[in-house]
C-alpha atoms as a PDB file:
ATOM      1  CA  MET A   1     114.626 100.604 109.782  1.00  0.00           C
ATOM      2  CA  LYS A   2     112.938 101.661 113.187  1.00  0.00           C
ATOM      3  CA  LEU A   3     109.897 102.943 111.846  1.00  0.00           C
ATOM      4  CA  ALA A   4     106.781 104.269 113.882  1.00  0.00           C
ATOM      5  CA  ILE A   5     102.798 104.387 112.750  1.00  0.00           C
ATOM      6  CA  LEU A   6     101.546 107.408 114.080  1.00  0.00           C
ATOM      7  CA  SER A   7      97.818 105.685 114.286  1.00  0.00           C
ATOM      8  CA  ARG A   8      95.097 105.177 116.809  1.00  0.00           C
ATOM      9  CA  ASN A   9      94.101 101.528 115.735  1.00  0.00           C
ATOM     10  CA  THR A  10      95.864  99.148 115.112  1.00  0.00           C
ATOM     11  CA  ARG A  11      93.586  96.771 113.473  1.00  0.00           C
ATOM     12  CA  LEU A  12      92.513  99.196 110.556  1.00  0.00           C
ATOM     13  CA  TYR A  13      93.478  97.418 107.308  1.00  0.00           C
ATOM     14  CA  SER A  14      96.325 100.231 106.225  1.00  0.00           C
ATOM     15  CA  THR A  15      98.034 100.757 109.226  1.00  0.00           C
ATOM     16  CA  ARG A  16      98.263  96.832 109.896  1.00  0.00           C
ATOM     17  CA  ARG A  17      99.838  96.185 106.279  1.00  0.00           C
ATOM     18  CA  LEU A  18     102.087  98.875 106.707  1.00  0.00           C
ATOM     19  CA  VAL A  19     102.996  96.917 110.175  1.00  0.00           C
ATOM     20  CA  GLU A  20     103.357  93.386 107.705  1.00  0.00           C
ATOM     21  CA  ALA A  21     104.791  95.202 104.894  1.00  0.00           C
ATOM     22  CA  ALA A  22     107.804  96.199 107.604  1.00  0.00           C
ATOM     23  CA  ARG A  23     107.884  93.351 109.454  1.00  0.00           C
ATOM     24  CA  ALA A  24     108.575  90.956 106.590  1.00  0.00           C
ATOM     25  CA  ARG A  25     111.434  93.346 105.554  1.00  0.00           C
ATOM     26  CA  GLY A  26     113.050  92.606 108.279  1.00  0.00           C
ATOM     27  CA  HIS A  27     112.598  96.312 109.935  1.00  0.00           C
ATOM     28  CA  SER A  28     111.398  97.127 113.477  1.00  0.00           C
ATOM     29  CA  VAL A  29     107.603  98.702 113.039  1.00  0.00           C
ATOM     30  CA  ARG A  30     105.622 100.582 116.162  1.00  0.00           C
ATOM     31  CA  VAL A  31     102.350 101.803 116.148  1.00  0.00           C
ATOM     32  CA  LEU A  32     102.070 105.018 118.169  1.00  0.00           C
ATOM     33  CA  ASP A  33      98.314 106.324 119.115  1.00  0.00           C
ATOM     34  CA  PRO A  34      99.402 110.284 118.676  1.00  0.00           C
ATOM     35  CA  LEU A  35      96.788 111.329 121.571  1.00  0.00           C
ATOM     36  CA  ARG A  36      98.987 109.248 124.069  1.00  0.00           C
ATOM     37  CA  CYS A  37     102.371 110.905 122.615  1.00  0.00           C
ATOM     38  CA  TYR A  38     103.410 113.452 125.160  1.00  0.00           C
ATOM     39  CA  MET A  39     106.031 116.382 124.714  1.00  0.00           C
ATOM     40  CA  ARG A  40     108.316 118.291 126.304  1.00  0.00           C
ATOM     41  CA  ILE A  41     109.787 121.479 124.175  1.00  0.00           C
ATOM     42  CA  GLY A  42     112.796 123.714 125.525  1.00  0.00           C
ATOM     43  CA  SER A  43     115.418 125.905 124.895  1.00  0.00           C
ATOM     44  CA  GLU A  44     118.449 123.103 125.410  1.00  0.00           C
ATOM     45  CA  GLY A  45     116.677 120.516 123.109  1.00  0.00           C
ATOM     46  CA  VAL A  46     112.774 118.534 122.752  1.00  0.00           C
ATOM     47  CA  SER A  47     112.031 115.152 124.081  1.00  0.00           C
ATOM     48  CA  MET A  48     108.914 112.833 124.328  1.00  0.00           C
ATOM     49  CA  ARG A  49     107.144 110.458 125.826  1.00  0.00           C
ATOM     50  CA  TYR A  50     104.860 107.900 125.257  1.00  0.00           C
ATOM     51  CA  LYS A  51     102.833 105.484 128.289  1.00  0.00           C
ATOM     52  CA  GLY A  52     106.027 107.083 130.553  1.00  0.00           C
ATOM     53  CA  LYS A  53     108.438 105.212 128.231  1.00  0.00           C
ATOM     54  CA  PRO A  54     110.942 107.840 126.361  1.00  0.00           C
ATOM     55  CA  ILE A  55     110.569 108.188 122.126  1.00  0.00           C
ATOM     56  CA  VAL A  56     113.854 108.032 120.992  1.00  0.00           C
ATOM     57  CA  ASP A  57     115.717 106.335 117.828  1.00  0.00           C
ATOM     58  CA  TYR A  58     112.770 106.471 115.360  1.00  0.00           C
ATOM     59  CA  ASP A  59     114.738 107.061 112.017  1.00  0.00           C
ATOM     60  CA  ALA A  60     111.187 107.422 109.765  1.00  0.00           C
ATOM     61  CA  VAL A  61     107.474 108.430 111.325  1.00  0.00           C
ATOM     62  CA  ILE A  62     104.089 107.725 109.278  1.00  0.00           C
ATOM     63  CA  PRO A  63     101.251 110.072 110.217  1.00  0.00           C
ATOM     64  CA  ARG A  64      97.884 107.827 109.580  1.00  0.00           C
ATOM     65  CA  PHE A  65      95.540 109.693 112.040  1.00  0.00           C
ATOM     66  CA  ALA A  66      92.257 111.008 111.364  1.00  0.00           C
ATOM     67  CA  ALA A  67      91.205 115.035 110.744  1.00  0.00           C
ATOM     68  CA  SER A  68      89.444 114.802 113.910  1.00  0.00           C
ATOM     69  CA  VAL A  69      93.037 115.145 115.297  1.00  0.00           C
ATOM     70  CA  THR A  70      95.352 116.887 112.484  1.00  0.00           C
ATOM     71  CA  ARG A  71      95.836 119.773 114.889  1.00  0.00           C
ATOM     72  CA  TYR A  72      97.846 117.521 118.287  1.00  0.00           C
ATOM     73  CA  GLY A  73      98.371 115.103 115.675  1.00  0.00           C
ATOM     74  CA  CYS A  74     100.505 117.239 113.428  1.00  0.00           C
ATOM     75  CA  ALA A  75     102.406 118.473 116.508  1.00  0.00           C
ATOM     76  CA  VAL A  76     103.395 115.396 117.585  1.00  0.00           C
ATOM     77  CA  LEU A  77     104.853 114.924 113.546  1.00  0.00           C
ATOM     78  CA  HIS A  78     106.564 117.811 114.368  1.00  0.00           C
ATOM     79  CA  GLN A  79     107.862 116.647 117.535  1.00  0.00           C
ATOM     80  CA  PHE A  80     109.633 113.820 115.376  1.00  0.00           C
ATOM     81  CA  GLU A  81     111.084 116.033 112.809  1.00  0.00           C
ATOM     82  CA  LEU A  82     112.606 117.990 115.604  1.00  0.00           C
ATOM     83  CA  MET A  83     114.109 115.163 116.591  1.00  0.00           C
ATOM     84  CA  GLY A  84     115.692 113.803 113.270  1.00  0.00           C
ATOM     85  CA  THR A  85     113.411 111.268 112.447  1.00  0.00           C
ATOM     86  CA  PHE A  86     112.796 111.211 108.714  1.00  0.00           C
ATOM     87  CA  ALA A  87     108.859 111.975 107.940  1.00  0.00           C
ATOM     88  CA  PRO A  88     107.809 111.536 103.907  1.00  0.00           C
ATOM     89  CA  ASN A  89     104.497 114.266 105.219  1.00  0.00           C
ATOM     90  CA  PRO A  90     106.123 116.448 107.305  1.00  0.00           C
ATOM     91  CA  SER A  91     103.295 117.945 109.829  1.00  0.00           C
ATOM     92  CA  ALA A  92     103.014 121.543 108.004  1.00  0.00           C
ATOM     93  CA  ALA A  93     102.900 119.308 104.421  1.00  0.00           C
ATOM     94  CA  PHE A  94     100.118 117.088 106.277  1.00  0.00           C
ATOM     95  CA  ALA A  95      97.849 120.008 107.681  1.00  0.00           C
ATOM     96  CA  ARG A  96      98.349 122.084 103.923  1.00  0.00           C
ATOM     97  CA  ALA A  97      96.889 118.535 102.717  1.00  0.00           C
ATOM     98  CA  ARG A  98      93.830 118.304 105.225  1.00  0.00           C
ATOM     99  CA  ASP A  99      92.170 121.963 104.179  1.00  0.00           C
ATOM    100  CA  LYS A 100      90.632 121.803 100.591  1.00  0.00           C
ATOM    101  CA  LEU A 101      90.784 125.464 100.173  1.00  0.00           C
ATOM    102  CA  ARG A 102      94.182 125.920 100.850  1.00  0.00           C
ATOM    103  CA  CYS A 103      95.352 122.894  98.451  1.00  0.00           C
ATOM    104  CA  GLN A 104      93.565 124.596  95.722  1.00  0.00           C
ATOM    105  CA  GLN A 105      95.093 127.686  95.774  1.00  0.00           C
ATOM    106  CA  LEU A 106      98.414 126.453  96.241  1.00  0.00           C
ATOM    107  CA  LEU A 107      97.792 123.993  93.104  1.00  0.00           C
ATOM    108  CA  ALA A 108      96.454 126.725  90.689  1.00  0.00           C
ATOM    109  CA  ALA A 109      99.031 129.205  91.536  1.00  0.00           C
ATOM    110  CA  GLU A 110     101.440 126.039  90.319  1.00  0.00           C
ATOM    111  CA  GLY A 111      99.088 126.217  87.102  1.00  0.00           C
ATOM    112  CA  LEU A 112      97.950 122.316  87.619  1.00  0.00           C
ATOM    113  CA  GLY A 113      94.802 121.706  86.334  1.00  0.00           C
ATOM    114  CA  LEU A 114      91.635 122.283  88.528  1.00  0.00           C
ATOM    115  CA  PRO A 115      87.341 122.293  88.382  1.00  0.00           C
ATOM    116  CA  VAL A 116      86.642 126.071  88.941  1.00  0.00           C
ATOM    117  CA  THR A 117      85.863 126.915  93.229  1.00  0.00           C
ATOM    118  CA  VAL A 118      84.495 129.278  94.573  1.00  0.00           C
ATOM    119  CA  PHE A 119      84.680 130.412  98.404  1.00  0.00           C
ATOM    120  CA  GLY A 120      82.982 133.671 100.479  1.00  0.00           C
ATOM    121  CA  ASP A 121      82.626 134.172 103.804  1.00  0.00           C
ATOM    122  CA  ASN A 122      78.901 136.890 104.136  1.00  0.00           C
ATOM    123  CA  PRO A 123      76.120 135.975 103.192  1.00  0.00           C
ATOM    124  CA  ASP A 124      75.687 139.082 101.172  1.00  0.00           C
ATOM    125  CA  ASP A 125      77.813 137.732  98.583  1.00  0.00           C
ATOM    126  CA  THR A 126      76.113 134.795  97.815  1.00  0.00           C
ATOM    127  CA  ASP A 127      74.277 135.252  94.711  1.00  0.00           C
ATOM    128  CA  ASP A 128      77.224 136.551  93.332  1.00  0.00           C
ATOM    129  CA  LEU A 129      79.597 133.960  94.647  1.00  0.00           C
ATOM    130  CA  LEU A 130      77.356 131.505  92.927  1.00  0.00           C
ATOM    131  CA  ALA A 131      77.032 133.343  89.573  1.00  0.00           C
ATOM    132  CA  MET A 132      81.491 134.082  89.166  1.00  0.00           C
ATOM    133  CA  LEU A 133      81.055 129.694  89.136  1.00  0.00           C
ATOM    134  CA  GLY A 134      78.259 129.723  86.629  1.00  0.00           C
ATOM    135  CA  PRO A 135      75.250 127.269  86.222  1.00  0.00           C
ATOM    136  CA  PRO A 136      74.377 124.705  88.200  1.00  0.00           C
ATOM    137  CA  PRO A 137      75.015 121.879  88.548  1.00  0.00           C
ATOM    138  CA  HIS A 138      77.475 122.633  91.652  1.00  0.00           C
ATOM    139  CA  VAL A 139      79.503 120.598  93.588  1.00  0.00           C
ATOM    140  CA  ILE A 140      79.748 121.763  97.321  1.00  0.00           C
ATOM    141  CA  LYS A 141      82.201 120.222  99.718  1.00  0.00           C
ATOM    142  CA  LEU A 142      82.999 120.423 103.490  1.00  0.00           C
ATOM    143  CA  ASN A 143      86.284 121.804 103.834  1.00  0.00           C
ATOM    144  CA  GLU A 144      87.314 118.758 106.042  1.00  0.00           C
ATOM    145  CA  GLY A 145      85.810 116.302 105.395  1.00  0.00           C
ATOM    146  CA  SER A 146      86.857 112.662 104.036  1.00  0.00           C
ATOM    147  CA  GLN A 147      85.745 109.861 102.142  1.00  0.00           C
ATOM    148  CA  GLY A 148      83.110 111.378 100.402  1.00  0.00           C
ATOM    149  CA  ALA A 149      81.914 113.428 103.625  1.00  0.00           C
ATOM    150  CA  GLY A 150      80.275 116.482 103.185  1.00  0.00           C
ATOM    151  CA  VAL A 151      80.439 116.623  99.395  1.00  0.00           C
ATOM    152  CA  MET A 152      76.690 118.104  97.835  1.00  0.00           C
ATOM    153  CA  LEU A 153      75.020 117.846  94.335  1.00  0.00           C
ATOM    154  CA  THR A 154      72.956 121.020  93.691  1.00  0.00           C
ATOM    155  CA  GLU A 155      71.547 120.910  90.077  1.00  0.00           C
ATOM    156  CA  LYS A 156      69.288 124.250  90.924  1.00  0.00           C
ATOM    157  CA  PRO A 157      70.347 127.826  91.775  1.00  0.00           C
ATOM    158  CA  SER A 158      67.606 127.489  94.632  1.00  0.00           C
ATOM    159  CA  ALA A 159      69.524 124.400  95.694  1.00  0.00           C
ATOM    160  CA  SER A 160      72.539 125.926  95.886  1.00  0.00           C
ATOM    161  CA  ARG A 161      71.750 129.194  97.902  1.00  0.00           C
ATOM    162  CA  GLY A 162      69.830 127.102  99.985  1.00  0.00           C
ATOM    163  CA  VAL A 163      72.703 124.448 101.269  1.00  0.00           C
ATOM    164  CA  VAL A 164      75.184 127.416 101.177  1.00  0.00           C
ATOM    165  CA  GLU A 165      73.299 129.297 103.532  1.00  0.00           C
ATOM    166  CA  ALA A 166      72.661 125.886 105.655  1.00  0.00           C
ATOM    167  CA  LEU A 167      76.277 125.506 106.028  1.00  0.00           C
ATOM    168  CA  ARG A 168      76.800 129.237 106.726  1.00  0.00           C
ATOM    169  CA  GLY A 169      74.515 128.790 109.541  1.00  0.00           C
ATOM    170  CA  LEU A 170      76.871 125.914 111.324  1.00  0.00           C
ATOM    171  CA  TYR A 171      79.744 127.944 110.763  1.00  0.00           C
ATOM    172  CA  ALA A 172      81.126 125.201 108.584  1.00  0.00           C
ATOM    173  CA  SER A 173      83.995 125.715 106.090  1.00  0.00           C
ATOM    174  CA  PHE A 174      83.515 124.377 102.595  1.00  0.00           C
ATOM    175  CA  VAL A 175      84.021 125.313  99.435  1.00  0.00           C
ATOM    176  CA  VAL A 176      81.541 125.562  95.892  1.00  0.00           C
ATOM    177  CA  GLN A 177      82.882 123.729  92.534  1.00  0.00           C
ATOM    178  CA  GLU A 178      81.963 122.920  89.206  1.00  0.00           C
ATOM    179  CA  PHE A 179      80.554 119.802  88.093  1.00  0.00           C
ATOM    180  CA  ILE A 180      82.395 118.054  85.663  1.00  0.00           C
ATOM    181  CA  ALA A 181      79.327 116.067  83.827  1.00  0.00           C
ATOM    182  CA  GLU A 182      81.529 114.537  80.858  1.00  0.00           C
ATOM    183  CA  ALA A 183      83.733 112.403  83.868  1.00  0.00           C
ATOM    184  CA  GLN A 184      80.175 110.552  84.438  1.00  0.00           C
ATOM    185  CA  GLY A 185      80.606 109.836  88.400  1.00  0.00           C
ATOM    186  CA  ALA A 186      84.419 108.410  87.930  1.00  0.00           C
ATOM    187  CA  ASP A 187      87.820 109.511  88.800  1.00  0.00           C
ATOM    188  CA  LEU A 188      91.605 108.259  89.447  1.00  0.00           C
ATOM    189  CA  ARG A 189      93.012 107.285  92.641  1.00  0.00           C
ATOM    190  CA  CYS A 190      97.029 107.538  91.541  1.00  0.00           C
ATOM    191  CA  PHE A 191      99.146 106.494  94.470  1.00  0.00           C
ATOM    192  CA  VAL A 192     102.334 108.772  94.593  1.00  0.00           C
ATOM    193  CA  VAL A 193     105.246 107.494  96.631  1.00  0.00           C
ATOM    194  CA  GLY A 194     108.633 109.411  96.291  1.00  0.00           C
ATOM    195  CA  ASP A 195     108.932 110.785  92.258  1.00  0.00           C
ATOM    196  CA  ARG A 196     106.167 108.200  90.742  1.00  0.00           C
ATOM    197  CA  VAL A 197     102.980 106.654  90.825  1.00  0.00           C
ATOM    198  CA  ILE A 198     103.546 103.197  92.158  1.00  0.00           C
ATOM    199  CA  GLY A 199      99.279 102.242  91.550  1.00  0.00           C
ATOM    200  CA  ALA A 200      96.258 103.176  89.946  1.00  0.00           C
ATOM    201  CA  MET A 201      92.308 102.833  90.236  1.00  0.00           C
ATOM    202  CA  GLN A 202      89.729 104.435  88.675  1.00  0.00           C
ATOM    203  CA  ARG A 203      86.693 104.162  90.802  1.00  0.00           C
ATOM    204  CA  GLN A 204      83.203 104.921  89.374  1.00  0.00           C
ATOM    205  CA  ALA A 205      80.414 106.098  91.603  1.00  0.00           C
ATOM    206  CA  PRO A 206      77.095 103.606  92.177  1.00  0.00           C
ATOM    207  CA  PRO A 207      74.143 104.808  90.381  1.00  0.00           C
ATOM    208  CA  GLY A 208      72.075 107.626  91.719  1.00  0.00           C
ATOM    209  CA  ASP A 209      75.486 109.093  92.863  1.00  0.00           C
ATOM    210  CA  PHE A 210      78.086 111.012  91.724  1.00  0.00           C
ATOM    211  CA  ARG A 211      80.526 110.397  94.205  1.00  0.00           C
ATOM    212  CA  SER A 212      82.973 107.659  93.371  1.00  0.00           C
ATOM    213  CA  ASN A 213      84.302 106.922  97.058  1.00  0.00           C
ATOM    214  CA  LEU A 214      84.546 103.269  98.113  1.00  0.00           C
ATOM    215  CA  HIS A 215      83.192 103.732 101.497  1.00  0.00           C
ATOM    216  CA  ARG A 216      79.907 105.779  99.480  1.00  0.00           C
ATOM    217  CA  GLY A 217      78.855 102.271  96.999  1.00  0.00           C
ATOM    218  CA  GLY A 218      81.866 103.357  94.500  1.00  0.00           C
ATOM    219  CA  THR A 219      83.412 100.348  92.568  1.00  0.00           C
ATOM    220  CA  ALA A 220      87.406 100.206  91.960  1.00  0.00           C
ATOM    221  CA  THR A 221      89.070  98.887  88.752  1.00  0.00           C
ATOM    222  CA  PRO A 222      92.580  99.404  87.905  1.00  0.00           C
ATOM    223  CA  VAL A 223      93.813 101.640  85.146  1.00  0.00           C
ATOM    224  CA  ASP A 224      96.492 102.699  82.937  1.00  0.00           C
ATOM    225  CA  THR A 225      96.928 106.056  83.321  1.00  0.00           C
ATOM    226  CA  THR A 226      99.220 108.409  80.703  1.00  0.00           C
ATOM    227  CA  PRO A 227     101.956 109.868  81.367  1.00  0.00           C
ATOM    228  CA  GLU A 228     100.102 113.368  81.657  1.00  0.00           C
ATOM    229  CA  GLU A 229      98.156 112.357  84.270  1.00  0.00           C
ATOM    230  CA  ARG A 230     101.069 110.574  86.325  1.00  0.00           C
ATOM    231  CA  ALA A 231     103.109 113.890  86.016  1.00  0.00           C
ATOM    232  CA  VAL A 232     100.597 115.293  87.255  1.00  0.00           C
ATOM    233  CA  ALA A 233      99.767 113.675  90.645  1.00  0.00           C
ATOM    234  CA  VAL A 234     103.580 113.351  91.254  1.00  0.00           C
ATOM    235  CA  ARG A 235     103.688 117.458  90.252  1.00  0.00           C
ATOM    236  CA  ALA A 236     100.549 117.653  92.449  1.00  0.00           C
ATOM    237  CA  ALA A 237     102.170 115.910  95.737  1.00  0.00           C
ATOM    238  CA  GLN A 238     105.455 117.753  94.683  1.00  0.00           C
ATOM    239  CA  VAL A 239     103.530 121.181  95.344  1.00  0.00           C
ATOM    240  CA  ILE A 240     101.604 120.252  98.277  1.00  0.00           C
ATOM    241  CA  GLY A 241     104.706 118.683 100.134  1.00  0.00           C
ATOM    242  CA  LEU A 242     104.025 115.186 100.587  1.00  0.00           C
ATOM    243  CA  GLY A 243     106.203 111.979 100.081  1.00  0.00           C
ATOM    244  CA  ILE A 244     103.407 109.485 100.482  1.00  0.00           C
ATOM    245  CA  ALA A 245     100.112 110.877  98.569  1.00  0.00           C
ATOM    246  CA  GLY A 246      96.421 109.645  97.301  1.00  0.00           C
ATOM    247  CA  VAL A 247      95.851 112.292  94.307  1.00  0.00           C
ATOM    248  CA  ASP A 248      92.685 111.885  93.201  1.00  0.00           C
ATOM    249  CA  LEU A 249      92.367 113.373  89.327  1.00  0.00           C
ATOM    250  CA  ILE A 250      88.974 113.864  86.771  1.00  0.00           C
ATOM    251  CA  ARG A 251      89.406 113.334  83.439  1.00  0.00           C
ATOM    252  CA  SER A 252      87.780 116.774  81.372  1.00  0.00           C
ATOM    253  CA  GLU A 253      87.673 117.206  78.274  1.00  0.00           C
ATOM    254  CA  ARG A 254      90.360 120.044  79.517  1.00  0.00           C
ATOM    255  CA  GLY A 255      92.436 117.567  80.191  1.00  0.00           C
ATOM    256  CA  PRO A 256      93.351 116.016  84.083  1.00  0.00           C
ATOM    257  CA  LEU A 257      91.756 117.795  86.479  1.00  0.00           C
ATOM    258  CA  VAL A 258      93.403 117.591  90.340  1.00  0.00           C
ATOM    259  CA  LEU A 259      90.341 116.704  92.841  1.00  0.00           C
ATOM    260  CA  GLU A 260      92.447 116.532  95.685  1.00  0.00           C
ATOM    261  CA  VAL A 261      95.456 115.859  97.464  1.00  0.00           C
ATOM    262  CA  ASN A 262      95.099 112.970 100.491  1.00  0.00           C
ATOM    263  CA  ALA A 263      97.993 112.989 103.259  1.00  0.00           C
ATOM    264  CA  SER A 264      96.773 109.667 104.485  1.00  0.00           C
ATOM    265  CA  PRO A 265      95.184 107.420 101.520  1.00  0.00           C
ATOM    266  CA  GLY A 266      93.681 103.869 102.137  1.00  0.00           C
ATOM    267  CA  LEU A 267      95.255 101.100 101.083  1.00  0.00           C
ATOM    268  CA  GLU A 268      92.861  98.626 101.182  1.00  0.00           C
ATOM    269  CA  GLY A 269      90.755  99.579  98.074  1.00  0.00           C
ATOM    270  CA  ILE A 270      93.854 100.217  95.949  1.00  0.00           C
ATOM    271  CA  GLU A 271      95.370  96.875  96.782  1.00  0.00           C
ATOM    272  CA  ALA A 272      92.351  95.178  96.291  1.00  0.00           C
ATOM    273  CA  ALA A 273      91.980  96.768  92.800  1.00  0.00           C
ATOM    274  CA  THR A 274      95.546  96.170  91.655  1.00  0.00           C
ATOM    275  CA  CYS A 275      96.876  93.686  93.654  1.00  0.00           C
ATOM    276  CA  ASP A 276      99.676  95.545  93.940  1.00  0.00           C
ATOM    277  CA  ASP A 277     101.950  96.019  96.804  1.00  0.00           C
ATOM    278  CA  ILE A 278     101.572  99.503  98.128  1.00  0.00           C
ATOM    279  CA  ALA A 279     102.950  99.004 101.971  1.00  0.00           C
ATOM    280  CA  GLY A 280     105.520  97.049 100.799  1.00  0.00           C
ATOM    281  CA  GLY A 281     106.324 100.277  97.554  1.00  0.00           C
ATOM    282  CA  ILE A 282     105.743 102.322 100.663  1.00  0.00           C
ATOM    283  CA  VAL A 283     108.206 101.206 103.371  1.00  0.00           C
ATOM    284  CA  ASP A 284     111.203 100.476 100.559  1.00  0.00           C
ATOM    285  CA  HIS A 285     110.612 104.160  99.343  1.00  0.00           C
ATOM    286  CA  LEU A 286     111.097 105.159 103.378  1.00  0.00           C
ATOM    287  CA  ALA A 287     114.287 102.302 103.948  1.00  0.00           C
ATOM    288  CA  ALA A 288     115.869 103.241 100.768  1.00  0.00           C
ATOM    289  CA  HIS A 289     115.692 107.114 102.388  1.00  0.00           C
ATOM    290  CA  VAL A 290     117.195 106.536 105.662  1.00  0.00           C
ATOM    291  CA  ARG A 291     119.342 104.039 103.978  1.00  0.00           C
ATOM    292  CA  GLY A 292     120.444 107.530 102.223  1.00  0.00           C
ATOM    293  CA  ARG A 293     120.861 109.897 105.223  1.00  0.00           C
ATOM    294  CA  ALA A 294     122.450 107.531 106.705  1.00  0.00           C
ATOM    295  CA  GLY A 295     125.102 107.204 103.695  1.00  0.00           C
ATOM    296  CA  GLY A 296     125.270 111.006 103.677  1.00  0.00           C
ATOM    297  CA  ARG A 297     126.100 111.164 107.244  1.00  0.00           C
ATOM    298  CA  ARG A 298     128.875 108.548 107.061  1.00  0.00           C
ATOM    299  CA  GLY A 299     130.221 110.571 104.430  1.00  0.00           C
ATOM    300  CA  ARG A 300     130.491 113.845 106.025  1.00  0.00           C
ATOM    301  CA  GLN A 301     134.664 114.663 106.621  1.00  0.00           C
ATOM    302  CA  PRO A 302     135.204 116.619 109.378  1.00  0.00           C
ATOM    303  CA  PRO A 303     135.613 120.883 108.986  1.00  0.00           C
ATOM    304  CA  ALA A 304     139.146 121.588 108.481  1.00  0.00           C
ATOM    305  CA  ASN A 305     140.888 123.590 111.175  1.00  0.00           C
ATOM    306  CA  GLY A 306     138.012 122.341 113.366  1.00  0.00           C
ATOM    307  CA  SER A 307     136.016 125.761 112.095  1.00  0.00           C
END
């Protein structure tokens, strides 16, 4: 298998582990900075180059780029798709996952459990918007934040109004959610590859914080998930259209709730917590899919009568 990883930093743990896992299994792998990929698009076909050389014959591509380059990175990813490369996380699904509001709408339409979420644009509607949600505490999230950045907890109505008004003044896109108190600052990260969860950890917020993100000082331990939790995680990834995803769940009195579906989940925390070879699981999944595609092409018969 010839694998491309779209990443701006070869030294990042997740990028490095994917390279190591691919090479250990005898695959060819290259890390490409998506901002150095440039494209030609015409009615006769499409092509792409990287630092003056053509990009050709890649079997699979994994997107690992940050939110700041989502738009261009997704264009590069889509170009790979048009050139016949297998993308477990297609460009449309990757962009969809980066939009928290869009994800909430899609998951809710499929009946998956979610924290109640409200969203609005006009300042005149703020009081009624918050009334739709119910009394605080409220969790306010920037729509394109990551790793716990841009997530705030407000405990009084005046604080919720103040944060909402401040974010609107900055022209920021955000959502407001109910706070699930019974979770006690813990959530589950389920790592979905294909149609199964290949690893899971519980993340616990540090004292004095409600965010369990490891980048915010949270701690991680391996966890035994229930069949229901695994089914919810896999279904959430499928609804968004992702073959590889980090699905964050929270245990509530009404069952598992989906907090977020991450299209580029980090490997360091979950590999350290579980001691599982998550990178190897991803590479094995890609290789199996590539073999299946190749077998399908070989198995096709030419049409009768040349039609």
